[in-house]
């Protein structure tokens, strides 16, 4: 009997993100080292779907000011899919 796969929250988040970006099941399965059908079934269970055909992401304003270090938007983008996902930005400690 095959061994049950244990999916982590980080893998689920990465699978959802990849699918939302339009990745196909074969590439997702290769990334996780599972069969295509295992990736499809997991995606179905967690609701990972392709965006609608008419979906156009809103463009970012190129004239906006840069985000400060540790801003949740930029820190979240940097740590997405890593062991640091969900960990707050480490603020420096100044010792006089």
PDB file of N, CA and C in Angstrom:
ATOM      1  N   UNK A   1       0.848  -1.179   0.000  1.00  0.00           N
ATOM      2  CA  UNK A   1       0.000   0.000   0.000  1.00  0.00           C
ATOM      3  C   UNK A   1       0.890   1.239   0.000  1.00  0.00           C
ATOM      4  N   UNK A   2       0.550   2.265  -0.826  1.00  0.00           N
ATOM      5  CA  UNK A   2       1.394   3.460  -0.877  1.00  0.00           C
ATOM      6  C   UNK A   2       1.353   4.242   0.427  1.00  0.00           C
ATOM      7  N   UNK A   3       2.450   4.937   0.673  1.00  0.00           N
ATOM      8  CA  UNK A   3       2.570   5.751   1.881  1.00  0.00           C
ATOM      9  C   UNK A   3       1.817   7.073   1.682  1.00  0.00           C
ATOM     10  N   UNK A   4       1.096   7.520   2.698  1.00  0.00           N
ATOM     11  CA  UNK A   4       0.326   8.761   2.622  1.00  0.00           C
ATOM     12  C   UNK A   4       1.271   9.959   2.630  1.00  0.00           C
ATOM     13  N   UNK A   5       0.998  10.913   1.739  1.00  0.00           N
ATOM     14  CA  UNK A   5       1.791  12.134   1.682  1.00  0.00           C
ATOM     15  C   UNK A   5       1.327  13.101   2.762  1.00  0.00           C
ATOM     16  N   UNK A   6       2.259  13.730   3.424  1.00  0.00           N
ATOM     17  CA  UNK A   6       1.926  14.737   4.439  1.00  0.00           C
ATOM     18  C   UNK A   6       2.230  16.112   3.846  1.00  0.00           C
ATOM     19  N   UNK A   7       1.190  16.860   3.514  1.00  0.00           N
ATOM     20  CA  UNK A   7       1.344  18.186   2.945  1.00  0.00           C
ATOM     21  C   UNK A   7       1.418  19.214   4.070  1.00  0.00           C
ATOM     22  N   UNK A   8       2.352  20.150   3.959  1.00  0.00           N
ATOM     23  CA  UNK A   8       2.490  21.207   4.962  1.00  0.00           C
ATOM     24  C   UNK A   8       1.722  22.445   4.524  1.00  0.00           C
ATOM     25  N   UNK A   9       1.519  23.363   5.457  1.00  0.00           N
ATOM     26  CA  UNK A   9       0.844  24.614   5.132  1.00  0.00           C
ATOM     27  C   UNK A   9       1.646  25.426   4.112  1.00  0.00           C
ATOM     28  N   UNK A  10       2.969  25.394   4.241  1.00  0.00           N
ATOM     29  CA  UNK A  10       3.824  26.127   3.305  1.00  0.00           C
ATOM     30  C   UNK A  10       3.696  25.548   1.898  1.00  0.00           C
ATOM     31  N   UNK A  11       3.630  24.227   1.775  1.00  0.00           N
ATOM     32  CA  UNK A  11       3.458  23.599   0.466  1.00  0.00           C
ATOM     33  C   UNK A  11       2.096  23.952  -0.122  1.00  0.00           C
ATOM     34  N   UNK A  12       1.069  23.953   0.720  1.00  0.00           N
ATOM     35  CA  UNK A  12      -0.270  24.319   0.250  1.00  0.00           C
ATOM     36  C   UNK A  12      -0.278  25.754  -0.271  1.00  0.00           C
ATOM     37  N   UNK A  13       0.352  26.657   0.460  1.00  0.00           N
ATOM     38  CA  UNK A  13       0.404  28.059   0.048  1.00  0.00           C
ATOM     39  C   UNK A  13       1.166  28.198  -1.267  1.00  0.00           C
ATOM     40  N   UNK A  14       2.261  27.471  -1.391  1.00  0.00           N
ATOM     41  CA  UNK A  14       3.047  27.534  -2.618  1.00  0.00           C
ATOM     42  C   UNK A  14       2.262  26.939  -3.793  1.00  0.00           C
ATOM     43  N   UNK A  15       1.545  25.859  -3.560  1.00  0.00           N
ATOM     44  CA  UNK A  15       0.731  25.251  -4.611  1.00  0.00           C
ATOM     45  C   UNK A  15      -0.354  26.221  -5.068  1.00  0.00           C
ATOM     46  N   UNK A  16      -1.017  26.880  -4.127  1.00  0.00           N
ATOM     47  CA  UNK A  16      -2.048  27.865  -4.485  1.00  0.00           C
ATOM     48  C   UNK A  16      -1.451  29.017  -5.292  1.00  0.00           C
ATOM     49  N   UNK A  17      -0.289  29.500  -4.848  1.00  0.00           N
ATOM     50  CA  UNK A  17       0.362  30.618  -5.537  1.00  0.00           C
ATOM     51  C   UNK A  17       0.762  30.230  -6.955  1.00  0.00           C
ATOM     52  N   UNK A  18       1.377  29.052  -7.100  1.00  0.00           N
ATOM     53  CA  UNK A  18       1.804  28.603  -8.424  1.00  0.00           C
ATOM     54  C   UNK A  18       0.614  28.441  -9.356  1.00  0.00           C
ATOM     55  N   UNK A  19      -0.462  27.876  -8.834  1.00  0.00           N
ATOM     56  CA  UNK A  19      -1.651  27.660  -9.658  1.00  0.00           C
ATOM     57  C   UNK A  19      -2.282  28.995 -10.041  1.00  0.00           C
ATOM     58  N   UNK A  20      -2.318  29.961  -9.120  1.00  0.00           N
ATOM     59  CA  UNK A  20      -2.867  31.283  -9.409  1.00  0.00           C
ATOM     60  C   UNK A  20      -2.025  32.018 -10.450  1.00  0.00           C
ATOM     61  N   UNK A  21      -0.722  31.703 -10.494  1.00  0.00           N
ATOM     62  CA  UNK A  21       0.159  32.315 -11.482  1.00  0.00           C
ATOM     63  C   UNK A  21       0.067  31.615 -12.829  1.00  0.00           C
ATOM     64  N   UNK A  22      -0.677  30.493 -12.894  1.00  0.00           N
ATOM     65  CA  UNK A  22      -0.895  29.809 -14.165  1.00  0.00           C
ATOM     66  C   UNK A  22      -0.002  28.617 -14.416  1.00  0.00           C
ATOM     67  N   UNK A  23       0.715  28.146 -13.404  1.00  0.00           N
ATOM     68  CA  UNK A  23       1.585  26.984 -13.587  1.00  0.00           C
ATOM     69  C   UNK A  23       0.755  25.736 -13.886  1.00  0.00           C
ATOM     70  N   UNK A  24       1.301  24.851 -14.727  1.00  0.00           N
ATOM     71  CA  UNK A  24       0.563  23.626 -15.037  1.00  0.00           C
ATOM     72  C   UNK A  24       0.868  22.560 -13.989  1.00  0.00           C
ATOM     73  N   UNK A  25       0.026  21.523 -13.972  1.00  0.00           N
ATOM     74  CA  UNK A  25       0.147  20.487 -12.940  1.00  0.00           C
ATOM     75  C   UNK A  25       1.444  19.697 -13.061  1.00  0.00           C
ATOM     76  N   UNK A  26       1.933  19.498 -14.272  1.00  0.00           N
ATOM     77  CA  UNK A  26       3.180  18.748 -14.440  1.00  0.00           C
ATOM     78  C   UNK A  26       4.360  19.453 -13.772  1.00  0.00           C
ATOM     79  N   UNK A  27       4.450  20.768 -13.959  1.00  0.00           N
ATOM     80  CA  UNK A  27       5.562  21.506 -13.349  1.00  0.00           C
ATOM     81  C   UNK A  27       5.419  21.579 -11.830  1.00  0.00           C
ATOM     82  N   UNK A  28       4.190  21.696 -11.350  1.00  0.00           N
ATOM     83  CA  UNK A  28       3.962  21.714  -9.900  1.00  0.00           C
ATOM     84  C   UNK A  28       4.332  20.363  -9.297  1.00  0.00           C
ATOM     85  N   UNK A  29       3.929  19.273  -9.948  1.00  0.00           N
ATOM     86  CA  UNK A  29       4.252  17.938  -9.458  1.00  0.00           C
ATOM     87  C   UNK A  29       5.757  17.715  -9.431  1.00  0.00           C
ATOM     88  N   UNK A  30       6.451  18.168 -10.469  1.00  0.00           N
ATOM     89  CA  UNK A  30       7.909  18.010 -10.507  1.00  0.00           C
ATOM     90  C   UNK A  30       8.578  18.799  -9.387  1.00  0.00           C
ATOM     91  N   UNK A  31       8.062  19.985  -9.099  1.00  0.00           N
ATOM     92  CA  UNK A  31       8.627  20.815  -8.038  1.00  0.00           C
ATOM     93  C   UNK A  31       8.514  20.136  -6.674  1.00  0.00           C
ATOM     94  N   UNK A  32       7.356  19.505  -6.412  1.00  0.00           N
ATOM     95  CA  UNK A  32       7.130  18.854  -5.117  1.00  0.00           C
ATOM     96  C   UNK A  32       7.620  17.404  -5.085  1.00  0.00           C
ATOM     97  N   UNK A  33       7.982  16.854  -6.240  1.00  0.00           N
ATOM     98  CA  UNK A  33       8.458  15.474  -6.269  1.00  0.00           C
ATOM     99  C   UNK A  33       7.352  14.454  -6.063  1.00  0.00           C
ATOM    100  N   UNK A  34       6.156  14.751  -6.580  1.00  0.00           N
ATOM    101  CA  UNK A  34       5.013  13.847  -6.470  1.00  0.00           C
ATOM    102  C   UNK A  34       4.484  13.583  -7.879  1.00  0.00           C
ATOM    103  N   UNK A  35       3.531  12.674  -7.995  1.00  0.00           N
ATOM    104  CA  UNK A  35       2.924  12.422  -9.294  1.00  0.00           C
ATOM    105  C   UNK A  35       1.994  13.576  -9.652  1.00  0.00           C
ATOM    106  N   UNK A  36       1.712  13.676 -10.917  1.00  0.00           N
ATOM    107  CA  UNK A  36       0.808  14.721 -11.387  1.00  0.00           C
ATOM    108  C   UNK A  36      -0.565  14.569 -10.736  1.00  0.00           C
ATOM    109  N   UNK A  37      -1.031  13.328 -10.597  1.00  0.00           N
ATOM    110  CA  UNK A  37      -2.356  13.095 -10.006  1.00  0.00           C
ATOM    111  C   UNK A  37      -2.385  13.446  -8.530  1.00  0.00           C
ATOM    112  N   UNK A  38      -1.275  13.261  -7.828  1.00  0.00           N
ATOM    113  CA  UNK A  38      -1.221  13.649  -6.412  1.00  0.00           C
ATOM    114  C   UNK A  38      -1.312  15.167  -6.278  1.00  0.00           C
ATOM    115  N   UNK A  39      -0.630  15.888  -7.171  1.00  0.00           N
ATOM    116  CA  UNK A  39      -0.676  17.348  -7.139  1.00  0.00           C
ATOM    117  C   UNK A  39      -2.081  17.853  -7.489  1.00  0.00           C
ATOM    118  N   UNK A  40      -2.700  17.240  -8.495  1.00  0.00           N
ATOM    119  CA  UNK A  40      -4.052  17.633  -8.887  1.00  0.00           C
ATOM    120  C   UNK A  40      -5.033  17.405  -7.747  1.00  0.00           C
ATOM    121  N   UNK A  41      -4.946  16.246  -7.112  1.00  0.00           N
ATOM    122  CA  UNK A  41      -5.873  15.925  -6.022  1.00  0.00           C
ATOM    123  C   UNK A  41      -5.679  16.888  -4.848  1.00  0.00           C
ATOM    124  N   UNK A  42      -4.430  17.201  -4.516  1.00  0.00           N
ATOM    125  CA  UNK A  42      -4.192  18.141  -3.419  1.00  0.00           C
ATOM    126  C   UNK A  42      -4.725  19.525  -3.782  1.00  0.00           C
ATOM    127  N   UNK A  43      -4.491  19.940  -5.021  1.00  0.00           N
ATOM    128  CA  UNK A  43      -4.997  21.225  -5.469  1.00  0.00           C
ATOM    129  C   UNK A  43      -6.517  21.293  -5.416  1.00  0.00           C
ATOM    130  N   UNK A  44      -7.170  20.196  -5.769  1.00  0.00           N
ATOM    131  CA  UNK A  44      -8.624  20.145  -5.706  1.00  0.00           C
ATOM    132  C   UNK A  44      -9.109  20.257  -4.270  1.00  0.00           C
ATOM    133  N   UNK A  45      -8.428  19.579  -3.354  1.00  0.00           N
ATOM    134  CA  UNK A  45      -8.839  19.586  -1.948  1.00  0.00           C
ATOM    135  C   UNK A  45      -8.678  20.955  -1.292  1.00  0.00           C
ATOM    136  N   UNK A  46      -7.639  21.699  -1.675  1.00  0.00           N
ATOM    137  CA  UNK A  46      -7.398  23.006  -1.047  1.00  0.00           C
ATOM    138  C   UNK A  46      -7.956  24.164  -1.874  1.00  0.00           C
ATOM    139  N   UNK A  47      -8.555  23.856  -3.012  1.00  0.00           N
ATOM    140  CA  UNK A  47      -9.189  24.892  -3.821  1.00  0.00           C
ATOM    141  C   UNK A  47      -8.231  25.725  -4.646  1.00  0.00           C
ATOM    142  N   UNK A  48      -7.117  25.137  -5.092  1.00  0.00           N
ATOM    143  CA  UNK A  48      -6.153  25.861  -5.924  1.00  0.00           C
ATOM    144  C   UNK A  48      -6.655  25.849  -7.362  1.00  0.00           C
ATOM    145  N   UNK A  49      -7.041  27.007  -7.848  1.00  0.00           N
ATOM    146  CA  UNK A  49      -7.604  27.103  -9.197  1.00  0.00           C
ATOM    147  C   UNK A  49      -6.846  28.142 -10.017  1.00  0.00           C
ATOM    148  N   UNK A  50      -6.980  28.018 -11.327  1.00  0.00           N
ATOM    149  CA  UNK A  50      -6.438  29.027 -12.219  1.00  0.00           C
ATOM    150  C   UNK A  50      -7.280  30.293 -12.102  1.00  0.00           C
ATOM    151  N   UNK A  51      -6.686  31.460 -12.334  1.00  0.00           N
ATOM    152  CA  UNK A  51      -7.493  32.674 -12.339  1.00  0.00           C
ATOM    153  C   UNK A  51      -8.429  32.657 -13.551  1.00  0.00           C
ATOM    154  N   UNK A  52      -9.521  33.410 -13.514  1.00  0.00           N
ATOM    155  CA  UNK A  52     -10.425  33.468 -14.666  1.00  0.00           C
ATOM    156  C   UNK A  52      -9.691  33.942 -15.915  1.00  0.00           C
ATOM    157  N   UNK A  53     -10.186  33.547 -17.073  1.00  0.00           N
ATOM    158  CA  UNK A  53      -9.528  33.898 -18.338  1.00  0.00           C
ATOM    159  C   UNK A  53      -9.455  35.404 -18.548  1.00  0.00           C
ATOM    160  N   UNK A  54     -10.433  36.158 -18.062  1.00  0.00           N
ATOM    161  CA  UNK A  54     -10.440  37.604 -18.251  1.00  0.00           C
ATOM    162  C   UNK A  54      -9.765  38.375 -17.111  1.00  0.00           C
ATOM    163  N   UNK A  55      -9.067  37.669 -16.218  1.00  0.00           N
ATOM    164  CA  UNK A  55      -8.409  38.300 -15.072  1.00  0.00           C
ATOM    165  C   UNK A  55      -7.184  39.081 -15.528  1.00  0.00           C
ATOM    166  N   UNK A  56      -7.117  40.342 -15.145  1.00  0.00           N
ATOM    167  CA  UNK A  56      -5.956  41.184 -15.426  1.00  0.00           C
ATOM    168  C   UNK A  56      -5.528  41.796 -14.100  1.00  0.00           C
ATOM    169  N   UNK A  57      -4.320  41.454 -13.600  1.00  0.00           N
ATOM    170  CA  UNK A  57      -3.899  42.027 -12.325  1.00  0.00           C
ATOM    171  C   UNK A  57      -3.713  43.535 -12.449  1.00  0.00           C
ATOM    172  N   UNK A  58      -4.058  44.240 -11.387  1.00  0.00           N
ATOM    173  CA  UNK A  58      -3.914  45.692 -11.413  1.00  0.00           C
ATOM    174  C   UNK A  58      -2.431  46.061 -11.385  1.00  0.00           C
ATOM    175  N   UNK A  59      -2.032  46.989 -12.245  1.00  0.00           N
ATOM    176  CA  UNK A  59      -0.620  47.365 -12.281  1.00  0.00           C
ATOM    177  C   UNK A  59      -0.239  48.186 -11.057  1.00  0.00           C
ATOM    178  N   UNK A  60       0.993  48.015 -10.625  1.00  0.00           N
ATOM    179  CA  UNK A  60       1.476  48.813  -9.501  1.00  0.00           C
ATOM    180  C   UNK A  60       1.835  50.199 -10.001  1.00  0.00           C
ATOM    181  N   UNK A  61       1.717  51.167  -9.130  1.00  0.00           N
ATOM    182  CA  UNK A  61       2.067  52.536  -9.473  1.00  0.00           C
ATOM    183  C   UNK A  61       3.589  52.669  -9.449  1.00  0.00           C
ATOM    184  N   UNK A  62       4.225  52.899 -10.601  1.00  0.00           N
ATOM    185  CA  UNK A  62       5.688  53.004 -10.609  1.00  0.00           C
ATOM    186  C   UNK A  62       6.210  54.250  -9.892  1.00  0.00           C
ATOM    187  N   UNK A  63       5.333  55.224  -9.641  1.00  0.00           N
ATOM    188  CA  UNK A  63       5.766  56.444  -8.981  1.00  0.00           C
ATOM    189  C   UNK A  63       5.611  56.430  -7.476  1.00  0.00           C
ATOM    190  N   UNK A  64       5.175  55.290  -6.920  1.00  0.00           N
ATOM    191  CA  UNK A  64       4.972  55.260  -5.468  1.00  0.00           C
ATOM    192  C   UNK A  64       6.315  55.267  -4.739  1.00  0.00           C
ATOM    193  N   UNK A  65       6.300  55.730  -3.505  1.00  0.00           N
ATOM    194  CA  UNK A  65       7.511  55.736  -2.690  1.00  0.00           C
ATOM    195  C   UNK A  65       7.889  54.302  -2.350  1.00  0.00           C
ATOM    196  N   UNK A  66       9.184  54.029  -2.148  1.00  0.00           N
ATOM    197  CA  UNK A  66       9.578  52.665  -1.776  1.00  0.00           C
ATOM    198  C   UNK A  66       9.021  52.293  -0.402  1.00  0.00           C
ATOM    199  N   UNK A  67       8.781  51.003  -0.241  1.00  0.00           N
ATOM    200  CA  UNK A  67       8.284  50.515   1.044  1.00  0.00           C
ATOM    201  C   UNK A  67       9.427  50.478   2.053  1.00  0.00           C
ATOM    202  N   UNK A  68       9.149  50.744   3.325  1.00  0.00           N
ATOM    203  CA  UNK A  68      10.209  50.700   4.327  1.00  0.00           C
ATOM    204  C   UNK A  68      10.654  49.265   4.581  1.00  0.00           C
ATOM    205  N   UNK A  69      11.861  49.076   5.126  1.00  0.00           N
ATOM    206  CA  UNK A  69      12.319  47.721   5.450  1.00  0.00           C
ATOM    207  C   UNK A  69      11.348  47.034   6.407  1.00  0.00           C
ATOM    208  N   UNK A  70      11.022  45.800   6.106  1.00  0.00           N
ATOM    209  CA  UNK A  70      10.149  45.022   6.970  1.00  0.00           C
ATOM    210  C   UNK A  70       8.675  45.252   6.736  1.00  0.00           C
ATOM    211  N   UNK A  71       8.317  46.023   5.725  1.00  0.00           N
ATOM    212  CA  UNK A  71       6.897  46.238   5.429  1.00  0.00           C
ATOM    213  C   UNK A  71       6.258  44.869   5.155  1.00  0.00           C
ATOM    214  N   UNK A  72       5.074  44.606   5.699  1.00  0.00           N
ATOM    215  CA  UNK A  72       4.464  43.282   5.533  1.00  0.00           C
ATOM    216  C   UNK A  72       4.305  42.853   4.080  1.00  0.00           C
ATOM    217  N   UNK A  73       4.056  43.791   3.174  1.00  0.00           N
ATOM    218  CA  UNK A  73       3.893  43.420   1.762  1.00  0.00           C
ATOM    219  C   UNK A  73       5.207  42.905   1.169  1.00  0.00           C
ATOM    220  N   UNK A  74       6.293  43.659   1.368  1.00  0.00           N
ATOM    221  CA  UNK A  74       7.576  43.243   0.790  1.00  0.00           C
ATOM    222  C   UNK A  74       8.185  42.064   1.560  1.00  0.00           C
ATOM    223  N   UNK A  75       8.089  42.071   2.876  1.00  0.00           N
ATOM    224  CA  UNK A  75       8.635  40.974   3.671  1.00  0.00           C
ATOM    225  C   UNK A  75       7.898  39.676   3.353  1.00  0.00           C
ATOM    226  N   UNK A  76       6.587  39.769   3.166  1.00  0.00           N
ATOM    227  CA  UNK A  76       5.811  38.579   2.812  1.00  0.00           C
ATOM    228  C   UNK A  76       6.189  38.037   1.453  1.00  0.00           C
ATOM    229  N   UNK A  77       6.470  38.927   0.503  1.00  0.00           N
ATOM    230  CA  UNK A  77       6.884  38.474  -0.833  1.00  0.00           C
ATOM    231  C   UNK A  77       8.259  37.812  -0.789  1.00  0.00           C
ATOM    232  N   UNK A  78       9.138  38.326   0.035  1.00  0.00           N
ATOM    233  CA  UNK A  78      10.491  37.766   0.139  1.00  0.00           C
ATOM    234  C   UNK A  78      10.462  36.393   0.804  1.00  0.00           C
ATOM    235  N   UNK A  79       9.638  36.222   1.813  1.00  0.00           N
ATOM    236  CA  UNK A  79       9.663  34.983   2.600  1.00  0.00           C
ATOM    237  C   UNK A  79       8.628  33.954   2.155  1.00  0.00           C
ATOM    238  N   UNK A  80       7.801  34.268   1.175  1.00  0.00           N
ATOM    239  CA  UNK A  80       6.759  33.324   0.722  1.00  0.00           C
ATOM    240  C   UNK A  80       7.388  32.018   0.261  1.00  0.00           C
ATOM    241  N   UNK A  81       6.890  30.917   0.780  1.00  0.00           N
ATOM    242  CA  UNK A  81       7.368  29.601   0.389  1.00  0.00           C
ATOM    243  C   UNK A  81       8.670  29.180   1.049  1.00  0.00           C
ATOM    244  N   UNK A  82       9.121  29.940   2.048  1.00  0.00           N
ATOM    245  CA  UNK A  82      10.349  29.584   2.760  1.00  0.00           C
ATOM    246  C   UNK A  82      10.010  29.252   4.210  1.00  0.00           C
ATOM    247  N   UNK A  83      11.021  28.850   4.958  1.00  0.00           N
ATOM    248  CA  UNK A  83      10.787  28.539   6.370  1.00  0.00           C
ATOM    249  C   UNK A  83      10.475  29.799   7.180  1.00  0.00           C
ATOM    250  N   UNK A  84      10.753  30.975   6.620  1.00  0.00           N
ATOM    251  CA  UNK A  84      10.470  32.229   7.309  1.00  0.00           C
ATOM    252  C   UNK A  84       9.068  32.747   7.039  1.00  0.00           C
ATOM    253  N   UNK A  85       8.283  32.039   6.245  1.00  0.00           N
ATOM    254  CA  UNK A  85       6.931  32.495   5.938  1.00  0.00           C
ATOM    255  C   UNK A  85       6.116  32.611   7.223  1.00  0.00           C
ATOM    256  N   UNK A  86       5.515  33.763   7.442  1.00  0.00           N
ATOM    257  CA  UNK A  86       4.706  34.008   8.624  1.00  0.00           C
ATOM    258  C   UNK A  86       5.498  34.523   9.811  1.00  0.00           C
ATOM    259  N   UNK A  87       6.824  34.557   9.707  1.00  0.00           N
ATOM    260  CA  UNK A  87       7.663  35.066  10.792  1.00  0.00           C
ATOM    261  C   UNK A  87       7.784  36.580  10.617  1.00  0.00           C
ATOM    262  N   UNK A  88       7.582  37.371  11.675  1.00  0.00           N
ATOM    263  CA  UNK A  88       7.689  38.824  11.525  1.00  0.00           C
ATOM    264  C   UNK A  88       9.115  39.261  11.194  1.00  0.00           C
ATOM    265  N   UNK A  89       9.207  40.421  10.591  1.00  0.00           N
ATOM    266  CA  UNK A  89      10.504  40.989  10.215  1.00  0.00           C
ATOM    267  C   UNK A  89      11.356  41.182  11.465  1.00  0.00           C
ATOM    268  N   UNK A  90      12.619  40.725  11.427  1.00  0.00           N
ATOM    269  CA  UNK A  90      13.477  40.875  12.624  1.00  0.00           C
ATOM    270  C   UNK A  90      13.999  42.310  12.721  1.00  0.00           C
ATOM    271  N   UNK A  91      13.442  43.069  13.635  1.00  0.00           N
ATOM    272  CA  UNK A  91      13.880  44.449  13.824  1.00  0.00           C
ATOM    273  C   UNK A  91      15.230  44.464  14.520  1.00  0.00           C
ATOM    274  N   UNK A  92      16.117  45.385  14.113  1.00  0.00           N
ATOM    275  CA  UNK A  92      17.436  45.453  14.745  1.00  0.00           C
ATOM    276  C   UNK A  92      17.329  45.945  16.179  1.00  0.00           C
ATOM    277  N   UNK A  93      18.212  45.454  17.024  1.00  0.00           N
ATOM    278  CA  UNK A  93      18.269  45.855  18.428  1.00  0.00           C
ATOM    279  C   UNK A  93      19.516  46.717  18.600  1.00  0.00           C
ATOM    280  N   UNK A  94      19.299  47.955  19.049  1.00  0.00           N
ATOM    281  CA  UNK A  94      20.419  48.856  19.254  1.00  0.00           C
ATOM    282  C   UNK A  94      20.801  48.850  20.730  1.00  0.00           C
ATOM    283  N   UNK A  95      22.062  48.585  20.987  1.00  0.00           N
ATOM    284  CA  UNK A  95      22.566  48.564  22.363  1.00  0.00           C
ATOM    285  C   UNK A  95      23.523  49.744  22.496  1.00  0.00           C
ATOM    286  N   UNK A  96      23.212  50.722  23.387  1.00  0.00           N
ATOM    287  CA  UNK A  96      24.091  51.901  23.528  1.00  0.00           C
ATOM    288  C   UNK A  96      25.378  51.585  24.252  1.00  0.00           C
TER     289      UNK A  96
END
